[in-house]
Amino acid sequence: MTAQHVELQYELESVRRARALVTTACAHLPRDVTDVVRLVVSELVANAVMHGLPEIVLLYEIGPDLVRVEVTDGHPQPPRQLRASLSALDGRGLLIVNALSRRWGVVRLDDGKTVWCDIPVRETAGVIS
């Protein structure tokens, strides 16, 4: 199992950095699984930057059957799934996470929250093509 704990800056550039880190870490997985992990990480880190508070921490664990992604930020308010209109430019992040993950959730902390999700390696193959 590969695990990485990364502190990210409270800036949109962190989305690109997080995406690059998981792309490298998932290089041995099927490409479509890596694409799902990249998309989910992008959404969770973007939500933390846009709606959370510093400190932002990305944790990912890559096992043979499952990829666990956790993003922690300093805002105690849990995220909400929105009903984005067809013309909305945002508001679909958690819908994407929900659609591409086996399960996801939120853990409230004394100084913020962690949003986590589990991405199955075998079931994910073929989801994005």
C-alpha atoms as a PDB file:
ATOM      1  CA  MET A   1       0.000   0.000   0.000  1.00  0.00           C
ATOM      2  CA  THR A   2       1.220   3.481  -0.891  1.00  0.00           C
ATOM      3  CA  ALA A   3       0.223   6.336   1.416  1.00  0.00           C
ATOM      4  CA  GLN A   4       1.028  10.025   1.146  1.00  0.00           C
ATOM      5  CA  HIS A   5       0.201  12.930   3.451  1.00  0.00           C
ATOM      6  CA  VAL A   6       0.633  16.360   1.829  1.00  0.00           C
ATOM      7  CA  GLU A   7       0.060  19.832   3.247  1.00  0.00           C
ATOM      8  CA  LEU A   8      -1.312  22.160   0.582  1.00  0.00           C
ATOM      9  CA  GLN A   9      -1.373  25.924   0.313  1.00  0.00           C
ATOM     10  CA  TYR A  10      -4.722  27.679   0.603  1.00  0.00           C
ATOM     11  CA  GLU A  11      -4.764  28.648  -3.081  1.00  0.00           C
ATOM     12  CA  LEU A  12      -6.227  27.336  -6.330  1.00  0.00           C
ATOM     13  CA  GLU A  13      -2.763  26.266  -7.523  1.00  0.00           C
ATOM     14  CA  SER A  14      -3.035  23.488  -4.921  1.00  0.00           C
ATOM     15  CA  VAL A  15      -5.645  21.766  -7.091  1.00  0.00           C
ATOM     16  CA  ARG A  16      -3.080  21.361  -9.887  1.00  0.00           C
ATOM     17  CA  ARG A  17      -0.403  20.218  -7.443  1.00  0.00           C
ATOM     18  CA  ALA A  18      -2.697  17.632  -5.836  1.00  0.00           C
ATOM     19  CA  ARG A  19      -3.772  16.340  -9.242  1.00  0.00           C
ATOM     20  CA  ALA A  20      -0.119  15.953 -10.320  1.00  0.00           C
ATOM     21  CA  LEU A  21       0.781  14.100  -7.118  1.00  0.00           C
ATOM     22  CA  VAL A  22      -1.984  11.516  -7.456  1.00  0.00           C
ATOM     23  CA  THR A  23      -1.319  11.088 -11.174  1.00  0.00           C
ATOM     24  CA  THR A  24       2.241  10.050 -10.387  1.00  0.00           C
ATOM     25  CA  ALA A  25       1.214   7.877  -7.439  1.00  0.00           C
ATOM     26  CA  CYS A  26      -1.472   6.073  -9.469  1.00  0.00           C
ATOM     27  CA  ALA A  27       0.711   5.476 -12.543  1.00  0.00           C
ATOM     28  CA  HIS A  28       0.631   1.701 -11.978  1.00  0.00           C
ATOM     29  CA  LEU A  29      -3.183   1.593 -11.941  1.00  0.00           C
ATOM     30  CA  PRO A  30      -5.389   1.377 -15.041  1.00  0.00           C
ATOM     31  CA  ARG A  31      -5.572   4.765 -16.749  1.00  0.00           C
ATOM     32  CA  ASP A  32      -9.310   5.183 -16.216  1.00  0.00           C
ATOM     33  CA  VAL A  33      -8.895   4.537 -12.480  1.00  0.00           C
ATOM     34  CA  THR A  34      -6.166   7.183 -12.366  1.00  0.00           C
ATOM     35  CA  ASP A  35      -8.513   9.567 -14.210  1.00  0.00           C
ATOM     36  CA  VAL A  36     -11.243   8.999 -11.596  1.00  0.00           C
ATOM     37  CA  VAL A  37      -8.809   9.578  -8.722  1.00  0.00           C
ATOM     38  CA  ARG A  38      -7.520  12.773 -10.401  1.00  0.00           C
ATOM     39  CA  LEU A  39     -11.049  14.107 -10.871  1.00  0.00           C
ATOM     40  CA  VAL A  40     -12.156  13.308  -7.317  1.00  0.00           C
ATOM     41  CA  VAL A  41      -8.998  14.831  -5.826  1.00  0.00           C
ATOM     42  CA  SER A  42      -9.478  17.940  -7.976  1.00  0.00           C
ATOM     43  CA  GLU A  43     -13.050  18.367  -6.758  1.00  0.00           C
ATOM     44  CA  LEU A  44     -12.269  17.811  -3.078  1.00  0.00           C
ATOM     45  CA  VAL A  45      -9.227  20.091  -3.015  1.00  0.00           C
ATOM     46  CA  ALA A  46     -11.070  22.791  -5.001  1.00  0.00           C
ATOM     47  CA  ASN A  47     -13.933  22.635  -2.486  1.00  0.00           C
ATOM     48  CA  ALA A  48     -11.475  22.976   0.404  1.00  0.00           C
ATOM     49  CA  VAL A  49      -9.831  26.003  -1.205  1.00  0.00           C
ATOM     50  CA  MET A  50     -13.080  27.690  -2.237  1.00  0.00           C
ATOM     51  CA  HIS A  51     -15.249  26.924   0.796  1.00  0.00           C
ATOM     52  CA  GLY A  52     -12.904  25.796   3.566  1.00  0.00           C
ATOM     53  CA  LEU A  53     -10.218  27.416   5.652  1.00  0.00           C
ATOM     54  CA  PRO A  54      -6.485  26.739   6.027  1.00  0.00           C
ATOM     55  CA  GLU A  55      -4.829  24.264   6.772  1.00  0.00           C
ATOM     56  CA  ILE A  56      -5.544  21.960   3.833  1.00  0.00           C
ATOM     57  CA  VAL A  57      -4.138  18.449   3.949  1.00  0.00           C
ATOM     58  CA  LEU A  58      -4.445  15.775   1.264  1.00  0.00           C
ATOM     59  CA  LEU A  59      -4.053  12.138   2.249  1.00  0.00           C
ATOM     60  CA  TYR A  60      -4.238   9.315  -0.259  1.00  0.00           C
ATOM     61  CA  GLU A  61      -3.735   5.618   0.257  1.00  0.00           C
ATOM     62  CA  ILE A  62      -3.415   3.374  -2.757  1.00  0.00           C
ATOM     63  CA  GLY A  63      -4.014  -0.299  -2.233  1.00  0.00           C
ATOM     64  CA  PRO A  64      -4.484  -3.130  -4.709  1.00  0.00           C
ATOM     65  CA  ASP A  65      -8.292  -2.917  -4.560  1.00  0.00           C
ATOM     66  CA  LEU A  66      -9.077   0.558  -3.232  1.00  0.00           C
ATOM     67  CA  VAL A  67      -7.862   4.138  -3.299  1.00  0.00           C
ATOM     68  CA  ARG A  68      -8.778   6.191  -0.214  1.00  0.00           C
ATOM     69  CA  VAL A  69      -8.693   9.972  -0.597  1.00  0.00           C
ATOM     70  CA  GLU A  70      -9.069  12.398   2.314  1.00  0.00           C
ATOM     71  CA  VAL A  71      -8.990  16.189   2.218  1.00  0.00           C
ATOM     72  CA  THR A  72      -8.942  18.050   5.519  1.00  0.00           C
ATOM     73  CA  ASP A  73      -9.467  21.772   5.947  1.00  0.00           C
ATOM     74  CA  GLY A  74      -9.952  24.145   8.856  1.00  0.00           C
ATOM     75  CA  HIS A  75     -13.636  25.003   8.343  1.00  0.00           C
ATOM     76  CA  PRO A  76     -16.026  23.024  10.574  1.00  0.00           C
ATOM     77  CA  GLN A  77     -19.030  23.347   8.221  1.00  0.00           C
ATOM     78  CA  PRO A  78     -19.603  20.094   6.305  1.00  0.00           C
ATOM     79  CA  PRO A  79     -20.028  20.351   2.541  1.00  0.00           C
ATOM     80  CA  ARG A  80     -23.485  20.163   1.003  1.00  0.00           C
ATOM     81  CA  GLN A  81     -24.542  18.559  -2.238  1.00  0.00           C
ATOM     82  CA  LEU A  82     -26.180  21.223  -4.350  1.00  0.00           C
ATOM     83  CA  ARG A  83     -28.690  20.925  -7.130  1.00  0.00           C
ATOM     84  CA  ALA A  84     -26.821  22.792  -9.815  1.00  0.00           C
ATOM     85  CA  SER A  85     -28.804  24.161 -12.721  1.00  0.00           C
ATOM     86  CA  LEU A  86     -27.777  23.277 -16.251  1.00  0.00           C
ATOM     87  CA  SER A  87     -26.257  26.724 -16.678  1.00  0.00           C
ATOM     88  CA  ALA A  88     -24.380  26.774 -13.345  1.00  0.00           C
ATOM     89  CA  LEU A  89     -20.596  26.929 -13.561  1.00  0.00           C
ATOM     90  CA  ASP A  90     -20.093  25.188 -10.222  1.00  0.00           C
ATOM     91  CA  GLY A  91     -21.961  23.182  -7.597  1.00  0.00           C
ATOM     92  CA  ARG A  92     -21.406  19.701  -9.013  1.00  0.00           C
ATOM     93  CA  GLY A  93     -18.298  18.647  -7.068  1.00  0.00           C
ATOM     94  CA  LEU A  94     -19.930  16.374  -4.522  1.00  0.00           C
ATOM     95  CA  LEU A  95     -22.286  14.952  -7.149  1.00  0.00           C
ATOM     96  CA  ILE A  96     -19.173  13.894  -9.074  1.00  0.00           C
ATOM     97  CA  VAL A  97     -17.538  12.472  -5.937  1.00  0.00           C
ATOM     98  CA  ASN A  98     -20.729  10.566  -5.112  1.00  0.00           C
ATOM     99  CA  ALA A  99     -21.044   9.173  -8.640  1.00  0.00           C
ATOM    100  CA  LEU A 100     -17.432   8.005  -8.906  1.00  0.00           C
ATOM    101  CA  SER A 101     -16.809   6.709  -5.370  1.00  0.00           C
ATOM    102  CA  ARG A 102     -17.924   3.523  -3.694  1.00  0.00           C
ATOM    103  CA  ARG A 103     -18.731   5.656  -0.659  1.00  0.00           C
ATOM    104  CA  TRP A 104     -17.810   9.033   0.774  1.00  0.00           C
ATOM    105  CA  GLY A 105     -18.398  10.967   3.960  1.00  0.00           C
ATOM    106  CA  VAL A 106     -17.378  13.737   6.296  1.00  0.00           C
ATOM    107  CA  VAL A 107     -15.652  13.524   9.659  1.00  0.00           C
ATOM    108  CA  ARG A 108     -16.011  16.578  11.887  1.00  0.00           C
ATOM    109  CA  LEU A 109     -12.870  17.561  13.751  1.00  0.00           C
ATOM    110  CA  ASP A 110     -12.234  19.998  16.592  1.00  0.00           C
ATOM    111  CA  ASP A 111     -10.536  22.336  14.142  1.00  0.00           C
ATOM    112  CA  GLY A 112     -12.261  21.575  10.833  1.00  0.00           C
ATOM    113  CA  LYS A 113     -13.394  18.557   8.855  1.00  0.00           C
ATOM    114  CA  THR A 114     -12.176  15.746   6.653  1.00  0.00           C
ATOM    115  CA  VAL A 115     -14.032  14.795   3.493  1.00  0.00           C
ATOM    116  CA  TRP A 116     -13.113  11.290   2.398  1.00  0.00           C
ATOM    117  CA  CYS A 117     -14.002   8.839  -0.332  1.00  0.00           C
ATOM    118  CA  ASP A 118     -13.140   5.313  -1.390  1.00  0.00           C
ATOM    119  CA  ILE A 119     -12.551   4.552  -5.054  1.00  0.00           C
ATOM    120  CA  PRO A 120     -12.549   0.876  -5.972  1.00  0.00           C
ATOM    121  CA  VAL A 121      -9.809  -0.089  -8.390  1.00  0.00           C
ATOM    122  CA  ARG A 122     -11.497  -3.008 -10.131  1.00  0.00           C
ATOM    123  CA  GLU A 123     -15.060  -1.608 -10.274  1.00  0.00           C
ATOM    124  CA  THR A 124     -13.794   1.765 -11.503  1.00  0.00           C
ATOM    125  CA  ALA A 125     -12.003   0.374 -14.546  1.00  0.00           C
ATOM    126  CA  GLY A 126     -13.957   1.400 -17.621  1.00  0.00           C
ATOM    127  CA  VAL A 127     -16.003   4.166 -15.937  1.00  0.00           C
ATOM    128  CA  ILE A 128     -14.216   6.972 -17.782  1.00  0.00           C
ATOM    129  CA  SER A 129     -13.226   6.345 -21.374  1.00  0.00           C
END
